[in-house]
Each structure stands twice: as C-alpha cells, then as structure tokens.
C-alpha cells in the first residue's frame, strides 16, 4: 500500500491544524496589511497572533470558525429576525 493512502487520525488532525494555521495566517496578514499599511509589520503581527492563538490558546481557534459558519450558512435565517425593530 502506498504510504500516502495510510490515514492515521493523529496525522490527519495535525495536517488539518497546519492548514487552519496557514489559513488564519494569510487571513490576518491580508487584514493587517490594509490596516497597518506596511507588509513587514503585517507579517510580524500575523505571526504573533497565529502563534498566540494556535500554541498558547488553541481553544480560541474555533471561535472564528463558528462565526464564519453562522455568518455564511445562517445569514438568511438571521435576516428574518428583526431584533432592533
């Protein structure tokens, strides 16, 4: 059997975590580059934020994912609820 086809749950979880970290890094870099105006400062800011989120507070990583899912998949339902009227 090819080694690429052997799926170990630990390696799948590790790969998912790495892809998620890269996604956050690119996302935060894009935002920070517009907000800070400097690419070097944006890289530094993004690396610090991703390090803090993924290595020191890994439970906080799932909050933006939940917000993304709610904003994209439940927005029609949330638009029908008039909270402020």
Protein backbone atom coordinates (compact mmCIF):
# COMPACT_ATOMS: atom_id res chain seq x y z
CA UNK A 1 0.00 0.00 0.00
CA UNK A 2 1.21 3.47 -0.76
CA UNK A 3 2.27 5.48 2.28
CA UNK A 4 0.12 8.40 1.17
CA UNK A 5 -3.03 6.30 1.49
CA UNK A 6 -2.39 5.28 5.09
CA UNK A 7 -4.52 7.62 7.16
CA UNK A 8 -3.63 7.93 10.78
CA UNK A 9 -6.07 10.03 12.83
CA UNK A 10 -3.19 11.84 14.52
CA UNK A 11 -1.60 12.86 11.23
CA UNK A 12 -4.93 13.91 9.76
CA UNK A 13 -5.58 16.11 12.81
CA UNK A 14 -2.05 17.55 12.59
CA UNK A 15 -2.46 18.30 8.88
CA UNK A 16 -5.83 19.94 9.49
CA UNK A 17 -4.31 22.06 12.25
CA UNK A 18 -1.48 23.15 9.92
CA UNK A 19 -3.86 24.08 7.11
CA UNK A 20 -6.04 26.01 9.54
CA UNK A 21 -2.99 27.88 10.87
CA UNK A 22 -1.91 28.82 7.35
CA UNK A 23 -5.43 29.97 6.50
CA UNK A 24 -5.51 32.19 9.60
CA UNK A 25 -2.04 33.50 8.85
CA UNK A 26 -3.00 34.58 5.32
CA UNK A 27 -6.33 35.99 6.51
CA UNK A 28 -4.79 38.04 9.32
CA UNK A 29 -1.93 39.15 7.06
CA UNK A 30 -4.39 40.46 4.46
CA UNK A 31 -6.31 42.39 7.07
CA UNK A 32 -3.19 43.69 8.83
CA UNK A 33 -1.60 44.83 5.58
CA UNK A 34 -4.60 47.05 4.88
CA UNK A 35 -4.88 48.23 8.49
CA UNK A 36 -1.19 48.83 9.21
CA UNK A 37 -0.07 49.86 5.74
CA UNK A 38 3.23 48.01 5.93
CA UNK A 39 3.83 44.45 4.75
CA UNK A 40 6.67 43.86 7.23
CA UNK A 41 4.56 44.96 10.19
CA UNK A 42 1.65 42.91 8.89
CA UNK A 43 3.80 39.76 8.71
CA UNK A 44 5.08 40.31 12.23
CA UNK A 45 1.58 40.97 13.55
CA UNK A 46 0.10 37.93 11.79
CA UNK A 47 2.83 35.59 13.00
CA UNK A 48 2.43 36.78 16.60
CA UNK A 49 -1.35 36.44 16.53
CA UNK A 50 -1.28 32.98 14.96
CA UNK A 51 1.40 31.84 17.42
CA UNK A 52 -0.61 33.07 20.37
CA UNK A 53 -3.83 31.57 19.08
CA UNK A 54 -2.56 28.17 17.98
CA UNK A 55 0.09 27.43 20.59
CA UNK A 56 -0.94 29.29 23.73
CA UNK A 57 -4.76 29.40 23.42
CA UNK A 58 -5.83 26.64 20.99
CA UNK A 59 -9.45 26.68 22.17
CA UNK A 60 -9.86 30.20 20.80
CA UNK A 61 -9.14 28.99 17.28
CA UNK A 62 -12.65 27.58 16.92
CA UNK A 63 -14.47 30.86 17.69
CA UNK A 64 -13.82 32.47 14.26
CA UNK A 65 -14.74 29.19 12.56
CA UNK A 66 -18.09 29.13 14.34
CA UNK A 67 -18.69 32.80 13.47
CA UNK A 68 -17.79 32.12 9.83
CA UNK A 69 -20.23 29.20 9.63
CA UNK A 70 -23.02 31.19 11.30
CA UNK A 71 -22.44 34.22 9.06
CA UNK A 72 -22.39 32.20 5.84
CA UNK A 73 -24.93 29.46 6.39
CA UNK A 74 -27.42 31.00 8.79
CA UNK A 75 -27.50 34.59 7.50
CA UNK A 76 -30.86 34.22 5.67
CA UNK A 77 -32.42 32.96 8.86
CA UNK A 78 -30.83 35.74 10.92
CA UNK A 79 -32.04 38.42 8.48
CA UNK A 80 -35.65 37.38 9.10
CA UNK A 81 -35.27 38.02 12.83
CA UNK A 82 -35.79 41.74 13.46
CA UNK A 83 -34.01 42.24 16.75
CA UNK A 84 -33.80 46.00 16.56
CA UNK A 85 -37.36 46.74 15.42
